[in-house]
Amino acid sequence: MKASITFPELQNILLEKTNQALSFAFVDGRTVRVSYPINLGFIKKDISANLVIKELIGSDLLVQLSAGLGTDTLLTTALNLLKGKIPHGLLEQRPDSHLLLHLGQIPQVKSVFDKVDVRDLHVLNEGLEVEGALKM
């Protein structure tokens, strides 16, 4: 069984839930480019990083952020900026620019993991695809 969500759908959900305008773009089958607009008054710029899917461990997703030199600093800064805008405990920073996303803490996602044995997550040209099988 396969299910997918397009990047625009994902962007709209995140905007609605976190009030953050993130955008996503395909890089390869395991990598998505995430961009976030910043406005420093006279400077408007998008900050981008590649998010590489490393492993799906139950309902947790291990990803690696790749943004060049200073990625760990960028990741720490981004997580500090997002505090209070995302549920506590949803993101866990790991060494070497890795992030563990506890997807099972999102009620809508948890209900999927309760019914589906999710095996993999792929990046498609137009969005993300989850592969799995119904639990019996």
N, C-alpha and C. Protein backbone atom coordinates (compact mmCIF):
# COMPACT_ATOMS: atom_id res chain seq x y z
N MET A 1 0.85 -1.16 0.00
CA MET A 1 0.00 0.00 0.00
C MET A 1 0.90 1.24 0.00
N LYS A 2 0.48 2.23 -0.78
CA LYS A 2 1.22 3.48 -0.83
C LYS A 2 0.26 4.65 -0.64
N ALA A 3 0.73 5.65 0.07
CA ALA A 3 -0.04 6.88 0.26
C ALA A 3 0.92 8.03 0.06
N SER A 4 0.40 9.15 -0.45
CA SER A 4 1.28 10.28 -0.70
C SER A 4 0.63 11.58 -0.30
N ILE A 5 1.50 12.58 -0.11
CA ILE A 5 1.08 13.95 0.16
C ILE A 5 1.94 14.85 -0.72
N THR A 6 1.31 15.81 -1.36
CA THR A 6 2.08 16.71 -2.22
C THR A 6 2.77 17.76 -1.37
N PHE A 7 3.80 18.35 -1.93
CA PHE A 7 4.51 19.41 -1.20
C PHE A 7 3.57 20.58 -0.87
N PRO A 8 2.72 21.04 -1.80
CA PRO A 8 1.80 22.12 -1.43
C PRO A 8 0.86 21.75 -0.27
N GLU A 9 0.37 20.52 -0.24
CA GLU A 9 -0.48 20.08 0.88
C GLU A 9 0.29 20.14 2.19
N LEU A 10 1.52 19.62 2.17
CA LEU A 10 2.36 19.62 3.37
C LEU A 10 2.67 21.05 3.81
N GLN A 11 2.97 21.92 2.88
CA GLN A 11 3.25 23.33 3.19
C GLN A 11 2.04 23.98 3.85
N ASN A 12 0.84 23.71 3.31
CA ASN A 12 -0.37 24.29 3.87
C ASN A 12 -0.66 23.78 5.28
N ILE A 13 -0.45 22.50 5.51
CA ILE A 13 -0.65 21.93 6.85
C ILE A 13 0.29 22.58 7.85
N LEU A 14 1.56 22.68 7.48
CA LEU A 14 2.55 23.27 8.39
C LEU A 14 2.26 24.75 8.64
N LEU A 15 1.84 25.47 7.62
CA LEU A 15 1.50 26.88 7.79
C LEU A 15 0.31 27.02 8.74
N GLU A 16 -0.68 26.17 8.57
CA GLU A 16 -1.86 26.21 9.42
C GLU A 16 -1.54 25.85 10.88
N LYS A 17 -0.70 24.83 11.07
CA LYS A 17 -0.41 24.34 12.42
C LYS A 17 0.67 25.14 13.14
N THR A 18 1.66 25.65 12.41
CA THR A 18 2.79 26.31 13.07
C THR A 18 2.95 27.79 12.69
N ASN A 19 2.19 28.24 11.72
CA ASN A 19 2.28 29.60 11.22
C ASN A 19 3.68 29.89 10.64
N GLN A 20 4.32 28.84 10.12
CA GLN A 20 5.63 28.95 9.51
C GLN A 20 5.52 28.60 8.03
N ALA A 21 6.02 29.48 7.18
CA ALA A 21 5.93 29.28 5.73
C ALA A 21 7.15 28.53 5.21
N LEU A 22 7.13 27.21 5.34
CA LEU A 22 8.20 26.39 4.81
C LEU A 22 7.84 25.96 3.40
N SER A 23 8.84 25.79 2.55
CA SER A 23 8.58 25.23 1.23
C SER A 23 9.51 24.04 1.01
N PHE A 24 9.07 23.13 0.15
CA PHE A 24 9.78 21.88 -0.08
C PHE A 24 10.00 21.67 -1.56
N ALA A 25 11.12 21.03 -1.89
CA ALA A 25 11.44 20.70 -3.28
C ALA A 25 12.19 19.38 -3.35
N PHE A 26 11.95 18.62 -4.40
CA PHE A 26 12.60 17.34 -4.64
C PHE A 26 14.09 17.53 -4.92
N VAL A 27 14.92 16.69 -4.30
CA VAL A 27 16.35 16.64 -4.62
C VAL A 27 16.65 15.26 -5.20
N ASP A 28 16.31 14.21 -4.44
CA ASP A 28 16.41 12.83 -4.91
C ASP A 28 15.45 11.98 -4.09
N GLY A 29 15.46 10.69 -4.29
CA GLY A 29 14.50 9.79 -3.66
C GLY A 29 14.56 9.73 -2.14
N ARG A 30 15.63 10.23 -1.55
CA ARG A 30 15.79 10.24 -0.09
C ARG A 30 15.98 11.65 0.47
N THR A 31 15.97 12.66 -0.41
CA THR A 31 16.32 14.02 0.02
C THR A 31 15.30 15.04 -0.46
N VAL A 32 14.91 15.92 0.46
CA VAL A 32 14.02 17.03 0.13
C VAL A 32 14.71 18.32 0.56
N ARG A 33 14.58 19.36 -0.25
CA ARG A 33 15.14 20.67 0.09
C ARG A 33 14.06 21.47 0.80
N VAL A 34 14.40 21.95 2.00
CA VAL A 34 13.47 22.73 2.81
C VAL A 34 13.96 24.18 2.81
N SER A 35 13.04 25.10 2.52
CA SER A 35 13.39 26.52 2.51
C SER A 35 12.48 27.28 3.46
N TYR A 36 13.07 28.29 4.10
CA TYR A 36 12.34 29.10 5.06
C TYR A 36 12.67 30.56 4.80
N PRO A 37 11.66 31.40 4.56
CA PRO A 37 11.94 32.81 4.29
C PRO A 37 12.24 33.57 5.58
N ILE A 38 13.26 34.40 5.54
CA ILE A 38 13.54 35.27 6.69
C ILE A 38 13.45 36.71 6.22
N ASN A 39 13.04 37.57 7.13
CA ASN A 39 12.91 38.99 6.84
C ASN A 39 13.60 39.75 7.97
N LEU A 40 14.73 40.34 7.64
CA LEU A 40 15.49 41.11 8.62
C LEU A 40 15.35 42.61 8.35
N GLY A 41 14.15 43.00 7.99
CA GLY A 41 13.92 44.41 7.68
C GLY A 41 14.29 44.72 6.26
N PHE A 42 15.54 45.08 6.04
CA PHE A 42 15.99 45.45 4.71
C PHE A 42 16.46 44.25 3.89
N ILE A 43 16.58 43.09 4.51
CA ILE A 43 17.03 41.88 3.81
C ILE A 43 15.93 40.83 3.89
N LYS A 44 15.52 40.34 2.71
CA LYS A 44 14.59 39.22 2.63
C LYS A 44 15.31 38.12 1.88
N LYS A 45 15.38 36.94 2.51
CA LYS A 45 16.15 35.86 1.92
C LYS A 45 15.56 34.53 2.35
N ASP A 46 15.70 33.52 1.51
CA ASP A 46 15.31 32.16 1.88
C ASP A 46 16.54 31.43 2.39
N ILE A 47 16.37 30.76 3.51
CA ILE A 47 17.42 29.88 4.03
C ILE A 47 17.00 28.47 3.66
N SER A 48 17.91 27.73 3.05
CA SER A 48 17.60 26.38 2.58
C SER A 48 18.56 25.36 3.15
N ALA A 49 18.04 24.15 3.28
CA ALA A 49 18.86 23.02 3.71
C ALA A 49 18.26 21.75 3.12
N ASN A 50 19.10 20.77 2.91
CA ASN A 50 18.63 19.47 2.46
C ASN A 50 18.32 18.61 3.68
N LEU A 51 17.20 17.93 3.62
CA LEU A 51 16.78 17.02 4.68
C LEU A 51 16.84 15.61 4.09
N VAL A 52 17.79 14.80 4.57
CA VAL A 52 18.02 13.47 4.03
C VAL A 52 17.35 12.44 4.94
N ILE A 53 16.47 11.63 4.38
CA ILE A 53 15.80 10.58 5.14
C ILE A 53 16.80 9.45 5.37
N LYS A 54 17.10 9.19 6.63
CA LYS A 54 18.07 8.15 6.97
C LYS A 54 17.40 6.82 7.31
N GLU A 55 16.40 6.88 8.21
CA GLU A 55 15.81 5.63 8.69
C GLU A 55 14.46 5.89 9.35
N LEU A 56 13.55 4.96 9.15
CA LEU A 56 12.27 4.99 9.83
C LEU A 56 12.32 3.91 10.91
N ILE A 57 12.19 4.34 12.17
CA ILE A 57 12.30 3.42 13.32
C ILE A 57 10.96 3.46 14.05
N GLY A 58 10.09 2.50 13.72
CA GLY A 58 8.74 2.54 14.28
C GLY A 58 8.04 3.78 13.78
N SER A 59 7.61 4.65 14.70
CA SER A 59 6.97 5.90 14.29
C SER A 59 7.93 7.10 14.38
N ASP A 60 9.21 6.81 14.53
CA ASP A 60 10.23 7.86 14.57
C ASP A 60 10.98 7.91 13.25
N LEU A 61 11.25 9.11 12.78
CA LEU A 61 11.95 9.29 11.53
C LEU A 61 13.29 9.97 11.80
N LEU A 62 14.38 9.30 11.43
CA LEU A 62 15.72 9.86 11.57
C LEU A 62 16.10 10.54 10.26
N VAL A 63 16.42 11.82 10.34
CA VAL A 63 16.82 12.59 9.16
C VAL A 63 18.13 13.31 9.47
N GLN A 64 18.83 13.67 8.42
CA GLN A 64 20.06 14.45 8.57
C GLN A 64 19.90 15.75 7.80
N LEU A 65 20.24 16.84 8.46
CA LEU A 65 20.18 18.16 7.85
C LEU A 65 21.53 18.45 7.22
N SER A 66 21.51 18.88 5.98
CA SER A 66 22.74 19.20 5.27
C SER A 66 22.62 20.61 4.70
N ALA A 67 23.38 21.53 5.26
CA ALA A 67 23.33 22.92 4.80
C ALA A 67 24.72 23.51 4.66
N GLY A 68 25.71 22.65 4.51
CA GLY A 68 27.08 23.13 4.37
C GLY A 68 27.72 23.39 5.73
N LEU A 69 28.77 24.18 5.72
CA LEU A 69 29.52 24.50 6.93
C LEU A 69 28.61 25.17 7.96
N GLY A 70 28.68 24.73 9.19
CA GLY A 70 27.87 25.32 10.24
C GLY A 70 26.47 24.75 10.35
N THR A 71 26.25 23.56 9.79
CA THR A 71 24.92 22.95 9.82
C THR A 71 24.43 22.73 11.24
N ASP A 72 25.29 22.26 12.13
CA ASP A 72 24.87 22.03 13.52
C ASP A 72 24.41 23.33 14.18
N THR A 73 25.12 24.41 13.91
CA THR A 73 24.74 25.71 14.47
C THR A 73 23.41 26.17 13.91
N LEU A 74 23.24 26.00 12.60
CA LEU A 74 21.98 26.36 11.94
C LEU A 74 20.83 25.54 12.52
N LEU A 75 21.05 24.26 12.73
CA LEU A 75 20.02 23.39 13.27
C LEU A 75 19.64 23.81 14.69
N THR A 76 20.61 24.08 15.52
CA THR A 76 20.35 24.53 16.89
C THR A 76 19.58 25.84 16.89
N THR A 77 19.98 26.77 16.04
CA THR A 77 19.29 28.07 15.94
C THR A 77 17.86 27.87 15.48
N ALA A 78 17.66 27.05 14.46
CA ALA A 78 16.31 26.80 13.94
C ALA A 78 15.42 26.17 15.01
N LEU A 79 15.95 25.22 15.74
CA LEU A 79 15.16 24.56 16.80
C LEU A 79 14.80 25.56 17.90
N ASN A 80 15.72 26.45 18.24
CA ASN A 80 15.42 27.47 19.24
C ASN A 80 14.33 28.42 18.76
N LEU A 81 14.34 28.77 17.47
CA LEU A 81 13.32 29.65 16.91
C LEU A 81 11.95 28.97 16.88
N LEU A 82 11.94 27.66 16.74
CA LEU A 82 10.68 26.92 16.64
C LEU A 82 10.09 26.53 17.99
N LYS A 83 10.85 26.73 19.07
CA LYS A 83 10.33 26.40 20.40
C LYS A 83 9.03 27.15 20.63
N GLY A 84 8.05 26.45 21.14
CA GLY A 84 6.75 27.05 21.40
C GLY A 84 5.83 27.03 20.18
N LYS A 85 6.37 26.75 19.01
CA LYS A 85 5.56 26.68 17.80
C LYS A 85 5.30 25.24 17.37
N ILE A 86 6.07 24.33 17.92
CA ILE A 86 5.86 22.91 17.65
C ILE A 86 5.69 22.20 18.98
N PRO A 87 4.96 21.09 18.99
CA PRO A 87 4.75 20.37 20.25
C PRO A 87 6.08 19.96 20.91
N HIS A 88 6.12 20.09 22.24
CA HIS A 88 7.31 19.71 23.00
C HIS A 88 7.60 18.23 22.79
N GLY A 89 8.85 17.90 22.53
CA GLY A 89 9.27 16.52 22.39
C GLY A 89 9.10 15.95 21.00
N LEU A 90 8.60 16.74 20.06
CA LEU A 90 8.40 16.24 18.70
C LEU A 90 9.73 16.08 17.97
N LEU A 91 10.67 16.99 18.22
CA LEU A 91 11.98 16.96 17.58
C LEU A 91 13.07 16.73 18.61
N GLU A 92 14.00 15.86 18.28
CA GLU A 92 15.13 15.58 19.16
C GLU A 92 16.42 15.74 18.35
N GLN A 93 17.26 16.67 18.77
CA GLN A 93 18.52 16.89 18.07
C GLN A 93 19.50 15.80 18.45
N ARG A 94 20.15 15.24 17.44
CA ARG A 94 21.15 14.19 17.61
C ARG A 94 22.49 14.69 17.08
N PRO A 95 23.58 13.97 17.37
CA PRO A 95 24.90 14.39 16.85
C PRO A 95 24.95 14.36 15.33
N ASP A 96 25.93 15.04 14.77
CA ASP A 96 26.22 15.05 13.33
C ASP A 96 25.04 15.54 12.50
N SER A 97 24.38 16.59 12.95
CA SER A 97 23.28 17.23 12.21
C SER A 97 22.09 16.30 11.96
N HIS A 98 21.90 15.35 12.85
CA HIS A 98 20.75 14.44 12.75
C HIS A 98 19.62 14.94 13.64
N LEU A 99 18.40 14.67 13.19
CA LEU A 99 17.19 15.00 13.93
C LEU A 99 16.33 13.75 13.99
N LEU A 100 15.77 13.48 15.15
CA LEU A 100 14.83 12.39 15.29
C LEU A 100 13.45 13.02 15.46
N LEU A 101 12.56 12.75 14.50
CA LEU A 101 11.21 13.28 14.53
C LEU A 101 10.30 12.22 15.12
N HIS A 102 9.70 12.50 16.25
CA HIS A 102 8.79 11.56 16.91
C HIS A 102 7.39 11.76 16.33
N LEU A 103 7.17 11.19 15.15
CA LEU A 103 5.93 11.40 14.42
C LEU A 103 4.71 10.83 15.15
N GLY A 104 4.92 9.82 15.98
CA GLY A 104 3.83 9.22 16.73
C GLY A 104 3.20 10.16 17.74
N GLN A 105 3.83 11.30 18.00
CA GLN A 105 3.27 12.28 18.93
C GLN A 105 2.25 13.20 18.26
N ILE A 106 2.13 13.11 16.95
CA ILE A 106 1.13 13.89 16.22
C ILE A 106 -0.10 13.00 16.10
N PRO A 107 -1.22 13.39 16.72
CA PRO A 107 -2.40 12.51 16.76
C PRO A 107 -2.82 11.94 15.40
N GLN A 108 -2.84 12.76 14.36
CA GLN A 108 -3.26 12.28 13.04
C GLN A 108 -2.27 11.25 12.49
N VAL A 109 -0.99 11.47 12.72
CA VAL A 109 0.03 10.54 12.24
C VAL A 109 0.02 9.27 13.08
N LYS A 110 -0.17 9.41 14.38
CA LYS A 110 -0.24 8.24 15.27
C LYS A 110 -1.36 7.30 14.84
N SER A 111 -2.51 7.86 14.45
CA SER A 111 -3.62 7.01 14.03
C SER A 111 -3.26 6.20 12.79
N VAL A 112 -2.42 6.77 11.91
CA VAL A 112 -1.96 6.02 10.73
C VAL A 112 -1.04 4.89 11.17
N PHE A 113 -0.07 5.20 12.05
CA PHE A 113 0.87 4.18 12.52
C PHE A 113 0.17 3.08 13.32
N ASP A 114 -0.97 3.39 13.95
CA ASP A 114 -1.74 2.38 14.67
C ASP A 114 -2.37 1.37 13.72
N LYS A 115 -2.66 1.78 12.50
CA LYS A 115 -3.36 0.93 11.54
C LYS A 115 -2.49 0.39 10.41
N VAL A 116 -1.35 1.06 10.20
CA VAL A 116 -0.49 0.71 9.07
C VAL A 116 0.93 0.43 9.57
N ASP A 117 1.50 -0.67 9.09
CA ASP A 117 2.90 -0.98 9.35
C ASP A 117 3.71 -0.21 8.30
N VAL A 118 4.17 0.99 8.66
CA VAL A 118 4.88 1.85 7.72
C VAL A 118 6.30 1.31 7.55
N ARG A 119 6.66 1.06 6.29
CA ARG A 119 7.95 0.44 6.00
C ARG A 119 8.99 1.43 5.48
N ASP A 120 8.53 2.44 4.74
CA ASP A 120 9.51 3.37 4.15
C ASP A 120 8.83 4.67 3.77
N LEU A 121 9.66 5.67 3.58
CA LEU A 121 9.22 7.00 3.16
C LEU A 121 10.12 7.43 2.02
N HIS A 122 9.51 7.82 0.90
CA HIS A 122 10.26 8.23 -0.29
C HIS A 122 9.92 9.67 -0.64
N VAL A 123 10.88 10.34 -1.25
CA VAL A 123 10.65 11.68 -1.78
C VAL A 123 10.37 11.53 -3.28
N LEU A 124 9.24 12.07 -3.70
CA LEU A 124 8.87 12.06 -5.12
C LEU A 124 9.03 13.48 -5.68
N ASN A 125 8.95 13.62 -6.98
CA ASN A 125 9.05 14.95 -7.59
C ASN A 125 8.03 15.92 -7.04
N GLU A 126 6.83 15.43 -6.73
CA GLU A 126 5.76 16.32 -6.30
C GLU A 126 5.43 16.24 -4.81
N GLY A 127 6.08 15.35 -4.06
CA GLY A 127 5.76 15.24 -2.64
C GLY A 127 6.42 14.05 -1.98
N LEU A 128 5.78 13.57 -0.92
CA LEU A 128 6.30 12.44 -0.14
C LEU A 128 5.38 11.24 -0.29
N GLU A 129 5.96 10.04 -0.31
CA GLU A 129 5.19 8.82 -0.42
C GLU A 129 5.55 7.88 0.73
N VAL A 130 4.53 7.37 1.38
CA VAL A 130 4.72 6.40 2.46
C VAL A 130 4.35 5.03 1.93
N GLU A 131 5.19 4.06 2.24
CA GLU A 131 4.93 2.69 1.82
C GLU A 131 4.72 1.83 3.06
N GLY A 132 3.68 1.00 3.03
CA GLY A 132 3.41 0.16 4.19
C GLY A 132 2.35 -0.88 3.89
N ALA A 133 1.91 -1.56 4.95
CA ALA A 133 0.87 -2.58 4.84
C ALA A 133 -0.09 -2.42 6.02
N LEU A 134 -1.36 -2.72 5.76
CA LEU A 134 -2.35 -2.66 6.82
C LEU A 134 -2.02 -3.68 7.89
N LYS A 135 -2.17 -3.31 9.16
CA LYS A 135 -1.97 -4.24 10.26
C LYS A 135 -3.20 -5.12 10.40
N MET A 136 -2.98 -6.37 10.67
CA MET A 136 -4.10 -7.30 10.84
C MET A 136 -4.39 -7.51 12.30
